[in-house]
Amino acid sequence: MKIVFFGTTGAIQSKDNTNVSFSVVEKKLSILVDSSGNPVQYLKRAGIDPKKLDVLILTHFHTDHIYALPSLIHNLWLMKRKKPLSIISNQRANSGL
């Protein structure tokens, strides 16, 4: 299993770090946890093909954990991704989507 942290700050970003987001890769399964900053760029830097991302987990519905979701979806569409992206979250986060 490989875990790559893209950001580790709370709601307020620093000049050297961004909001919490990370990926987990296990064999052929790739997961993105939370969507902040520039998720497509982060995935590419980690050697993960965004078009092969299997699951997005949204831990909760705070802005700093979800604000890049529209950008992620838009980029995947522009990249002509055909595979559905599974999005997992709790009921409260789902109500905000």
PDB file of N, CA and C in Angstrom:
ATOM      1  N   MET A   1       0.849  -1.176   0.000  1.00  0.00           N
ATOM      2  CA  MET A   1       0.000   0.000   0.000  1.00  0.00           C
ATOM      3  C   MET A   1       0.895   1.239   0.000  1.00  0.00           C
ATOM      4  N   LYS A   2       0.475   2.225  -0.782  1.00  0.00           N
ATOM      5  CA  LYS A   2       1.206   3.491  -0.877  1.00  0.00           C
ATOM      6  C   LYS A   2       0.251   4.616  -0.486  1.00  0.00           C
ATOM      7  N   ILE A   3       0.684   5.458   0.448  1.00  0.00           N
ATOM      8  CA  ILE A   3      -0.096   6.629   0.857  1.00  0.00           C
ATOM      9  C   ILE A   3       0.733   7.867   0.543  1.00  0.00           C
ATOM     10  N   VAL A   4       0.134   8.806  -0.182  1.00  0.00           N
ATOM     11  CA  VAL A   4       0.818  10.050  -0.541  1.00  0.00           C
ATOM     12  C   VAL A   4      -0.024  11.217  -0.053  1.00  0.00           C
ATOM     13  N   PHE A   5       0.555  12.039   0.820  1.00  0.00           N
ATOM     14  CA  PHE A   5      -0.136  13.230   1.314  1.00  0.00           C
ATOM     15  C   PHE A   5       0.131  14.391   0.363  1.00  0.00           C
ATOM     16  N   PHE A   6      -0.949  15.067  -0.041  1.00  0.00           N
ATOM     17  CA  PHE A   6      -0.833  16.236  -0.908  1.00  0.00           C
ATOM     18  C   PHE A   6      -0.851  17.523  -0.099  1.00  0.00           C
ATOM     19  N   GLY A   7      -1.542  17.519   1.006  1.00  0.00           N
ATOM     20  CA  GLY A   7      -1.611  18.661   1.905  1.00  0.00           C
ATOM     21  C   GLY A   7      -1.963  18.174   3.292  1.00  0.00           C
ATOM     22  N   THR A   8      -1.512  18.922   4.297  1.00  0.00           N
ATOM     23  CA  THR A   8      -1.746  18.483   5.677  1.00  0.00           C
ATOM     24  C   THR A   8      -2.179  19.611   6.610  1.00  0.00           C
ATOM     25  N   THR A   9      -2.528  20.763   6.068  1.00  0.00           N
ATOM     26  CA  THR A   9      -2.957  21.859   6.939  1.00  0.00           C
ATOM     27  C   THR A   9      -4.453  21.776   7.206  1.00  0.00           C
ATOM     28  N   GLY A  10      -4.887  22.575   8.153  1.00  0.00           N
ATOM     29  CA  GLY A  10      -6.315  22.697   8.422  1.00  0.00           C
ATOM     30  C   GLY A  10      -6.947  23.624   7.401  1.00  0.00           C
ATOM     31  N   ALA A  11      -7.942  24.364   7.836  1.00  0.00           N
ATOM     32  CA  ALA A  11      -8.702  25.220   6.925  1.00  0.00           C
ATOM     33  C   ALA A  11      -7.871  26.360   6.340  1.00  0.00           C
ATOM     34  N   ILE A  12      -6.866  26.820   7.071  1.00  0.00           N
ATOM     35  CA  ILE A  12      -6.045  27.938   6.595  1.00  0.00           C
ATOM     36  C   ILE A  12      -4.748  27.389   6.015  1.00  0.00           C
ATOM     37  N   GLN A  13      -4.548  27.624   4.726  1.00  0.00           N
ATOM     38  CA  GLN A  13      -3.338  27.152   4.058  1.00  0.00           C
ATOM     39  C   GLN A  13      -2.143  27.997   4.467  1.00  0.00           C
ATOM     40  N   SER A  14      -0.973  27.404   4.407  1.00  0.00           N
ATOM     41  CA  SER A  14       0.256  28.155   4.643  1.00  0.00           C
ATOM     42  C   SER A  14       0.955  28.364   3.303  1.00  0.00           C
ATOM     43  N   LYS A  15       2.036  29.106   3.308  1.00  0.00           N
ATOM     44  CA  LYS A  15       2.751  29.331   2.052  1.00  0.00           C
ATOM     45  C   LYS A  15       3.422  28.055   1.544  1.00  0.00           C
ATOM     46  N   ASP A  16       3.630  27.094   2.425  1.00  0.00           N
ATOM     47  CA  ASP A  16       4.317  25.867   2.049  1.00  0.00           C
ATOM     48  C   ASP A  16       3.433  24.624   2.048  1.00  0.00           C
ATOM     49  N   ASN A  17       2.167  24.771   2.405  1.00  0.00           N
ATOM     50  CA  ASN A  17       1.317  23.591   2.550  1.00  0.00           C
ATOM     51  C   ASN A  17      -0.130  23.956   2.240  1.00  0.00           C
ATOM     52  N   THR A  18      -0.885  22.969   1.822  1.00  0.00           N
ATOM     53  CA  THR A  18      -2.282  23.188   1.470  1.00  0.00           C
ATOM     54  C   THR A  18      -3.186  22.319   2.338  1.00  0.00           C
ATOM     55  N   ASN A  19      -4.475  22.402   2.095  1.00  0.00           N
ATOM     56  CA  ASN A  19      -5.463  21.675   2.890  1.00  0.00           C
ATOM     57  C   ASN A  19      -5.275  20.165   2.783  1.00  0.00           C
ATOM     58  N   VAL A  20      -5.802  19.465   3.764  1.00  0.00           N
ATOM     59  CA  VAL A  20      -5.654  18.009   3.828  1.00  0.00           C
ATOM     60  C   VAL A  20      -6.255  17.325   2.602  1.00  0.00           C
ATOM     61  N   SER A  21      -5.451  16.477   2.002  1.00  0.00           N
ATOM     62  CA  SER A  21      -5.867  15.631   0.891  1.00  0.00           C
ATOM     63  C   SER A  21      -4.758  14.607   0.699  1.00  0.00           C
ATOM     64  N   PHE A  22      -5.143  13.379   0.396  1.00  0.00           N
ATOM     65  CA  PHE A  22      -4.124  12.353   0.169  1.00  0.00           C
ATOM     66  C   PHE A  22      -4.678  11.234  -0.696  1.00  0.00           C
ATOM     67  N   SER A  23      -3.771  10.425  -1.214  1.00  0.00           N
ATOM     68  CA  SER A  23      -4.185   9.270  -2.013  1.00  0.00           C
ATOM     69  C   SER A  23      -3.696   7.992  -1.348  1.00  0.00           C
ATOM     70  N   VAL A  24      -4.444   6.941  -1.601  1.00  0.00           N
ATOM     71  CA  VAL A  24      -4.080   5.602  -1.150  1.00  0.00           C
ATOM     72  C   VAL A  24      -4.128   4.708  -2.385  1.00  0.00           C
ATOM     73  N   VAL A  25      -3.032   4.026  -2.645  1.00  0.00           N
ATOM     74  CA  VAL A  25      -2.976   3.112  -3.781  1.00  0.00           C
ATOM     75  C   VAL A  25      -2.633   1.723  -3.256  1.00  0.00           C
ATOM     76  N   GLU A  26      -3.462   0.768  -3.591  1.00  0.00           N
ATOM     77  CA  GLU A  26      -3.257  -0.628  -3.200  1.00  0.00           C
ATOM     78  C   GLU A  26      -3.440  -1.484  -4.444  1.00  0.00           C
ATOM     79  N   LYS A  27      -2.354  -2.018  -4.932  1.00  0.00           N
ATOM     80  CA  LYS A  27      -2.350  -2.819  -6.159  1.00  0.00           C
ATOM     81  C   LYS A  27      -2.985  -2.022  -7.293  1.00  0.00           C
ATOM     82  N   LYS A  28      -4.189  -2.387  -7.736  1.00  0.00           N
ATOM     83  CA  LYS A  28      -4.807  -1.685  -8.869  1.00  0.00           C
ATOM     84  C   LYS A  28      -5.913  -0.734  -8.445  1.00  0.00           C
ATOM     85  N   LEU A  29      -6.064  -0.513  -7.156  1.00  0.00           N
ATOM     86  CA  LEU A  29      -7.106   0.379  -6.644  1.00  0.00           C
ATOM     87  C   LEU A  29      -6.474   1.697  -6.217  1.00  0.00           C
ATOM     88  N   SER A  30      -6.992   2.814  -6.739  1.00  0.00           N
ATOM     89  CA  SER A  30      -6.487   4.127  -6.330  1.00  0.00           C
ATOM     90  C   SER A  30      -7.632   4.956  -5.757  1.00  0.00           C
ATOM     91  N   ILE A  31      -7.351   5.554  -4.610  1.00  0.00           N
ATOM     92  CA  ILE A  31      -8.351   6.311  -3.857  1.00  0.00           C
ATOM     93  C   ILE A  31      -7.805   7.705  -3.585  1.00  0.00           C
ATOM     94  N   LEU A  32      -8.647   8.703  -3.757  1.00  0.00           N
ATOM     95  CA  LEU A  32      -8.328  10.071  -3.361  1.00  0.00           C
ATOM     96  C   LEU A  32      -9.212  10.408  -2.172  1.00  0.00           C
ATOM     97  N   VAL A  33      -8.603  10.875  -1.093  1.00  0.00           N
ATOM     98  CA  VAL A  33      -9.356  11.257   0.097  1.00  0.00           C
ATOM     99  C   VAL A  33      -9.375  12.776   0.177  1.00  0.00           C
ATOM    100  N   ASP A  34     -10.557  13.323   0.057  1.00  0.00           N
ATOM    101  CA  ASP A  34     -10.846  14.755   0.041  1.00  0.00           C
ATOM    102  C   ASP A  34     -10.310  15.411  -1.227  1.00  0.00           C
ATOM    103  N   SER A  35     -10.911  16.535  -1.571  1.00  0.00           N
ATOM    104  CA  SER A  35     -10.611  17.196  -2.834  1.00  0.00           C
ATOM    105  C   SER A  35     -10.348  18.673  -2.586  1.00  0.00           C
ATOM    106  N   SER A  36      -9.076  18.986  -2.392  1.00  0.00           N
ATOM    107  CA  SER A  36      -8.686  20.379  -2.187  1.00  0.00           C
ATOM    108  C   SER A  36      -7.525  20.693  -3.122  1.00  0.00           C
ATOM    109  N   GLY A  37      -7.202  21.970  -3.234  1.00  0.00           N
ATOM    110  CA  GLY A  37      -6.073  22.369  -4.067  1.00  0.00           C
ATOM    111  C   GLY A  37      -6.277  22.026  -5.532  1.00  0.00           C
ATOM    112  N   ASN A  38      -5.309  21.332  -6.096  1.00  0.00           N
ATOM    113  CA  ASN A  38      -5.340  20.933  -7.503  1.00  0.00           C
ATOM    114  C   ASN A  38      -5.181  19.413  -7.583  1.00  0.00           C
ATOM    115  N   PRO A  39      -6.261  18.667  -7.385  1.00  0.00           N
ATOM    116  CA  PRO A  39      -6.139  17.211  -7.277  1.00  0.00           C
ATOM    117  C   PRO A  39      -5.553  16.520  -8.506  1.00  0.00           C
ATOM    118  N   VAL A  40      -5.849  16.993  -9.702  1.00  0.00           N
ATOM    119  CA  VAL A  40      -5.295  16.353 -10.901  1.00  0.00           C
ATOM    120  C   VAL A  40      -3.776  16.510 -10.919  1.00  0.00           C
ATOM    121  N   GLN A  41      -3.299  17.694 -10.614  1.00  0.00           N
ATOM    122  CA  GLN A  41      -1.852  17.929 -10.570  1.00  0.00           C
ATOM    123  C   GLN A  41      -1.202  17.071  -9.483  1.00  0.00           C
ATOM    124  N   TYR A  42      -1.828  17.007  -8.316  1.00  0.00           N
ATOM    125  CA  TYR A  42      -1.285  16.201  -7.216  1.00  0.00           C
ATOM    126  C   TYR A  42      -1.192  14.734  -7.611  1.00  0.00           C
ATOM    127  N   LEU A  43      -2.252  14.204  -8.221  1.00  0.00           N
ATOM    128  CA  LEU A  43      -2.252  12.803  -8.634  1.00  0.00           C
ATOM    129  C   LEU A  43      -1.143  12.534  -9.647  1.00  0.00           C
ATOM    130  N   LYS A  44      -1.018  13.428 -10.628  1.00  0.00           N
ATOM    131  CA  LYS A  44       0.020  13.248 -11.646  1.00  0.00           C
ATOM    132  C   LYS A  44       1.411  13.269 -11.022  1.00  0.00           C
ATOM    133  N   ARG A  45       1.657  14.194 -10.098  1.00  0.00           N
ATOM    134  CA  ARG A  45       2.961  14.263  -9.429  1.00  0.00           C
ATOM    135  C   ARG A  45       3.263  12.987  -8.650  1.00  0.00           C
ATOM    136  N   ALA A  46       2.223  12.338  -8.154  1.00  0.00           N
ATOM    137  CA  ALA A  46       2.393  11.096  -7.387  1.00  0.00           C
ATOM    138  C   ALA A  46       2.468   9.868  -8.293  1.00  0.00           C
ATOM    139  N   GLY A  47       2.404  10.088  -9.606  1.00  0.00           N
ATOM    140  CA  GLY A  47       2.478   8.976 -10.546  1.00  0.00           C
ATOM    141  C   GLY A  47       1.170   8.223 -10.713  1.00  0.00           C
ATOM    142  N   ILE A  48       0.063   8.864 -10.362  1.00  0.00           N
ATOM    143  CA  ILE A  48      -1.263   8.250 -10.466  1.00  0.00           C
ATOM    144  C   ILE A  48      -1.992   8.886 -11.645  1.00  0.00           C
ATOM    145  N   ASP A  49      -2.434   8.074 -12.563  1.00  0.00           N
ATOM    146  CA  ASP A  49      -3.185   8.571 -13.719  1.00  0.00           C
ATOM    147  C   ASP A  49      -4.588   8.965 -13.251  1.00  0.00           C
ATOM    148  N   PRO A  50      -4.953  10.248 -13.323  1.00  0.00           N
ATOM    149  CA  PRO A  50      -6.284  10.679 -12.869  1.00  0.00           C
ATOM    150  C   PRO A  50      -7.423   9.946 -13.570  1.00  0.00           C
ATOM    151  N   LYS A  51      -7.209   9.537 -14.806  1.00  0.00           N
ATOM    152  CA  LYS A  51      -8.263   8.815 -15.526  1.00  0.00           C
ATOM    153  C   LYS A  51      -8.483   7.416 -14.961  1.00  0.00           C
ATOM    154  N   LYS A  52      -7.544   6.937 -14.156  1.00  0.00           N
ATOM    155  CA  LYS A  52      -7.668   5.608 -13.557  1.00  0.00           C
ATOM    156  C   LYS A  52      -8.050   5.670 -12.077  1.00  0.00           C
ATOM    157  N   LEU A  53      -8.303   6.868 -11.568  1.00  0.00           N
ATOM    158  CA  LEU A  53      -8.736   7.015 -10.180  1.00  0.00           C
ATOM    159  C   LEU A  53     -10.035   6.238  -9.987  1.00  0.00           C
ATOM    160  N   ASP A  54     -10.089   5.402  -8.957  1.00  0.00           N
ATOM    161  CA  ASP A  54     -11.264   4.558  -8.735  1.00  0.00           C
ATOM    162  C   ASP A  54     -12.297   5.191  -7.815  1.00  0.00           C
ATOM    163  N   VAL A  55     -11.824   5.809  -6.739  1.00  0.00           N
ATOM    164  CA  VAL A  55     -12.738   6.263  -5.689  1.00  0.00           C
ATOM    165  C   VAL A  55     -12.295   7.617  -5.152  1.00  0.00           C
ATOM    166  N   LEU A  56     -13.260   8.482  -4.897  1.00  0.00           N
ATOM    167  CA  LEU A  56     -13.043   9.721  -4.155  1.00  0.00           C
ATOM    168  C   LEU A  56     -13.827   9.597  -2.859  1.00  0.00           C
ATOM    169  N   ILE A  57     -13.141   9.760  -1.736  1.00  0.00           N
ATOM    170  CA  ILE A  57     -13.804   9.753  -0.434  1.00  0.00           C
ATOM    171  C   ILE A  57     -13.835  11.183   0.083  1.00  0.00           C
ATOM    172  N   LEU A  58     -15.018  11.677   0.379  1.00  0.00           N
ATOM    173  CA  LEU A  58     -15.176  12.995   0.993  1.00  0.00           C
ATOM    174  C   LEU A  58     -15.480  12.760   2.468  1.00  0.00           C
ATOM    175  N   THR A  59     -14.552  13.146   3.319  1.00  0.00           N
ATOM    176  CA  THR A  59     -14.690  12.830   4.741  1.00  0.00           C
ATOM    177  C   THR A  59     -15.810  13.606   5.413  1.00  0.00           C
ATOM    178  N   HIS A  60     -15.992  14.854   4.994  1.00  0.00           N
ATOM    179  CA  HIS A  60     -17.081  15.667   5.526  1.00  0.00           C
ATOM    180  C   HIS A  60     -17.249  16.908   4.651  1.00  0.00           C
ATOM    181  N   PHE A  61     -18.333  17.634   4.892  1.00  0.00           N
ATOM    182  CA  PHE A  61     -18.731  18.728   4.007  1.00  0.00           C
ATOM    183  C   PHE A  61     -18.222  20.087   4.485  1.00  0.00           C
ATOM    184  N   HIS A  62     -16.939  20.186   4.795  1.00  0.00           N
ATOM    185  CA  HIS A  62     -16.322  21.486   5.049  1.00  0.00           C
ATOM    186  C   HIS A  62     -15.657  21.936   3.755  1.00  0.00           C
ATOM    187  N   THR A  63     -15.713  23.204   3.493  1.00  0.00           N
ATOM    188  CA  THR A  63     -15.196  23.749   2.238  1.00  0.00           C
ATOM    189  C   THR A  63     -13.770  23.305   1.950  1.00  0.00           C
ATOM    190  N   ASP A  64     -12.902  23.291   2.962  1.00  0.00           N
ATOM    191  CA  ASP A  64     -11.502  22.953   2.722  1.00  0.00           C
ATOM    192  C   ASP A  64     -11.291  21.484   2.343  1.00  0.00           C
ATOM    193  N   HIS A  65     -12.325  20.667   2.404  1.00  0.00           N
ATOM    194  CA  HIS A  65     -12.219  19.260   2.020  1.00  0.00           C
ATOM    195  C   HIS A  65     -12.900  18.952   0.684  1.00  0.00           C
ATOM    196  N   ILE A  66     -13.698  19.893   0.165  1.00  0.00           N
ATOM    197  CA  ILE A  66     -14.470  19.601  -1.050  1.00  0.00           C
ATOM    198  C   ILE A  66     -14.344  20.645  -2.160  1.00  0.00           C
ATOM    199  N   TYR A  67     -13.662  21.767  -1.902  1.00  0.00           N
ATOM    200  CA  TYR A  67     -13.739  22.880  -2.858  1.00  0.00           C
ATOM    201  C   TYR A  67     -13.169  22.572  -4.236  1.00  0.00           C
ATOM    202  N   ALA A  68     -12.314  21.579  -4.369  1.00  0.00           N
ATOM    203  CA  ALA A  68     -11.749  21.264  -5.684  1.00  0.00           C
ATOM    204  C   ALA A  68     -12.536  20.182  -6.424  1.00  0.00           C
ATOM    205  N   LEU A  69     -13.642  19.737  -5.858  1.00  0.00           N
ATOM    206  CA  LEU A  69     -14.445  18.709  -6.530  1.00  0.00           C
ATOM    207  C   LEU A  69     -14.909  19.150  -7.922  1.00  0.00           C
ATOM    208  N   PRO A  70     -15.454  20.357  -8.098  1.00  0.00           N
ATOM    209  CA  PRO A  70     -15.847  20.767  -9.457  1.00  0.00           C
ATOM    210  C   PRO A  70     -14.670  20.766 -10.435  1.00  0.00           C
ATOM    211  N   SER A  71     -13.509  21.212  -9.973  1.00  0.00           N
ATOM    212  CA  SER A  71     -12.319  21.218 -10.825  1.00  0.00           C
ATOM    213  C   SER A  71     -11.898  19.799 -11.189  1.00  0.00           C
ATOM    214  N   LEU A  72     -11.942  18.889 -10.223  1.00  0.00           N
ATOM    215  CA  LEU A  72     -11.595  17.496 -10.489  1.00  0.00           C
ATOM    216  C   LEU A  72     -12.521  16.900 -11.544  1.00  0.00           C
ATOM    217  N   ILE A  73     -13.824  17.064 -11.357  1.00  0.00           N
ATOM    218  CA  ILE A  73     -14.800  16.521 -12.308  1.00  0.00           C
ATOM    219  C   ILE A  73     -14.611  17.144 -13.695  1.00  0.00           C
ATOM    220  N   HIS A  74     -14.408  18.447 -13.739  1.00  0.00           N
ATOM    221  CA  HIS A  74     -14.216  19.136 -15.016  1.00  0.00           C
ATOM    222  C   HIS A  74     -12.962  18.634 -15.723  1.00  0.00           C
ATOM    223  N   ASN A  75     -11.858  18.513 -14.977  1.00  0.00           N
ATOM    224  CA  ASN A  75     -10.617  18.022 -15.580  1.00  0.00           C
ATOM    225  C   ASN A  75     -10.761  16.601 -16.100  1.00  0.00           C
ATOM    226  N   LEU A  76     -11.426  15.736 -15.349  1.00  0.00           N
ATOM    227  CA  LEU A  76     -11.626  14.359 -15.809  1.00  0.00           C
ATOM    228  C   LEU A  76     -12.460  14.333 -17.089  1.00  0.00           C
ATOM    229  N   TRP A  77     -13.444  15.216 -17.171  1.00  0.00           N
ATOM    230  CA  TRP A  77     -14.264  15.316 -18.382  1.00  0.00           C
ATOM    231  C   TRP A  77     -13.406  15.799 -19.559  1.00  0.00           C
ATOM    232  N   LEU A  78     -12.588  16.839 -19.331  1.00  0.00           N
ATOM    233  CA  LEU A  78     -11.713  17.352 -20.389  1.00  0.00           C
ATOM    234  C   LEU A  78     -10.706  16.297 -20.847  1.00  0.00           C
ATOM    235  N   MET A  79     -10.309  15.419 -19.925  1.00  0.00           N
ATOM    236  CA  MET A  79      -9.366  14.349 -20.243  1.00  0.00           C
ATOM    237  C   MET A  79     -10.068  13.163 -20.924  1.00  0.00           C
ATOM    238  N   LYS A  80     -11.372  13.322 -21.156  1.00  0.00           N
ATOM    239  CA  LYS A  80     -12.197  12.307 -21.827  1.00  0.00           C
ATOM    240  C   LYS A  80     -12.264  10.992 -21.046  1.00  0.00           C
ATOM    241  N   ARG A  81     -12.282  11.119 -19.741  1.00  0.00           N
ATOM    242  CA  ARG A  81     -12.434   9.932 -18.897  1.00  0.00           C
ATOM    243  C   ARG A  81     -13.798   9.312 -19.154  1.00  0.00           C
ATOM    244  N   LYS A  82     -13.835   8.015 -19.336  1.00  0.00           N
ATOM    245  CA  LYS A  82     -15.085   7.298 -19.578  1.00  0.00           C
ATOM    246  C   LYS A  82     -15.545   6.525 -18.344  1.00  0.00           C
ATOM    247  N   LYS A  83     -14.600   6.103 -17.532  1.00  0.00           N
ATOM    248  CA  LYS A  83     -14.883   5.281 -16.358  1.00  0.00           C
ATOM    249  C   LYS A  83     -15.607   6.108 -15.292  1.00  0.00           C
ATOM    250  N   PRO A  84     -16.703   5.598 -14.741  1.00  0.00           N
ATOM    251  CA  PRO A  84     -17.384   6.318 -13.658  1.00  0.00           C
ATOM    252  C   PRO A  84     -16.472   6.454 -12.434  1.00  0.00           C
ATOM    253  N   LEU A  85     -16.593   7.557 -11.735  1.00  0.00           N
ATOM    254  CA  LEU A  85     -15.838   7.780 -10.500  1.00  0.00           C
ATOM    255  C   LEU A  85     -16.778   7.552  -9.326  1.00  0.00           C
ATOM    256  N   SER A  86     -16.441   6.609  -8.480  1.00  0.00           N
ATOM    257  CA  SER A  86     -17.245   6.369  -7.277  1.00  0.00           C
ATOM    258  C   SER A  86     -16.904   7.428  -6.242  1.00  0.00           C
ATOM    259  N   ILE A  87     -17.930   8.064  -5.694  1.00  0.00           N
ATOM    260  CA  ILE A  87     -17.738   9.059  -4.641  1.00  0.00           C
ATOM    261  C   ILE A  87     -18.410   8.535  -3.385  1.00  0.00           C
ATOM    262  N   ILE A  88     -17.625   8.423  -2.328  1.00  0.00           N
ATOM    263  CA  ILE A  88     -18.112   7.906  -1.055  1.00  0.00           C
ATOM    264  C   ILE A  88     -18.048   9.024  -0.025  1.00  0.00           C
ATOM    265  N   SER A  89     -19.131   9.191   0.699  1.00  0.00           N
ATOM    266  CA  SER A  89     -19.153  10.189   1.770  1.00  0.00           C
ATOM    267  C   SER A  89     -20.244   9.808   2.758  1.00  0.00           C
ATOM    268  N   ASN A  90     -20.320  10.566   3.817  1.00  0.00           N
ATOM    269  CA  ASN A  90     -21.388  10.302   4.778  1.00  0.00           C
ATOM    270  C   ASN A  90     -22.661  11.029   4.343  1.00  0.00           C
ATOM    271  N   GLN A  91     -23.744  10.753   5.010  1.00  0.00           N
ATOM    272  CA  GLN A  91     -25.045  11.311   4.617  1.00  0.00           C
ATOM    273  C   GLN A  91     -25.041  12.838   4.634  1.00  0.00           C
ATOM    274  N   ARG A  92     -24.394  13.430   5.606  1.00  0.00           N
ATOM    275  CA  ARG A  92     -24.369  14.895   5.702  1.00  0.00           C
ATOM    276  C   ARG A  92     -23.602  15.509   4.525  1.00  0.00           C
ATOM    277  N   ALA A  93     -22.487  14.903   4.166  1.00  0.00           N
ATOM    278  CA  ALA A  93     -21.735  15.405   3.014  1.00  0.00           C
ATOM    279  C   ALA A  93     -22.537  15.221   1.733  1.00  0.00           C
ATOM    280  N   ASN A  94     -23.220  14.098   1.610  1.00  0.00           N
ATOM    281  CA  ASN A  94     -24.054  13.860   0.427  1.00  0.00           C
ATOM    282  C   ASN A  94     -25.143  14.908   0.288  1.00  0.00           C
ATOM    283  N   SER A  95     -25.712  15.350   1.393  1.00  0.00           N
ATOM    284  CA  SER A  95     -26.792  16.335   1.327  1.00  0.00           C
ATOM    285  C   SER A  95     -26.297  17.668   0.780  1.00  0.00           C
ATOM    286  N   GLY A  96     -25.004  17.952   0.932  1.00  0.00           N
ATOM    287  CA  GLY A  96     -24.433  19.183   0.401  1.00  0.00           C
ATOM    288  C   GLY A  96     -24.097  19.101  -1.068  1.00  0.00           C
ATOM    289  N   LEU A  97     -23.999  17.895  -1.593  1.00  0.00           N
ATOM    290  CA  LEU A  97     -23.675  17.728  -3.007  1.00  0.00           C
ATOM    291  C   LEU A  97     -24.938  17.801  -3.789  1.00  0.00           C
TER     292      LEU A  97
END
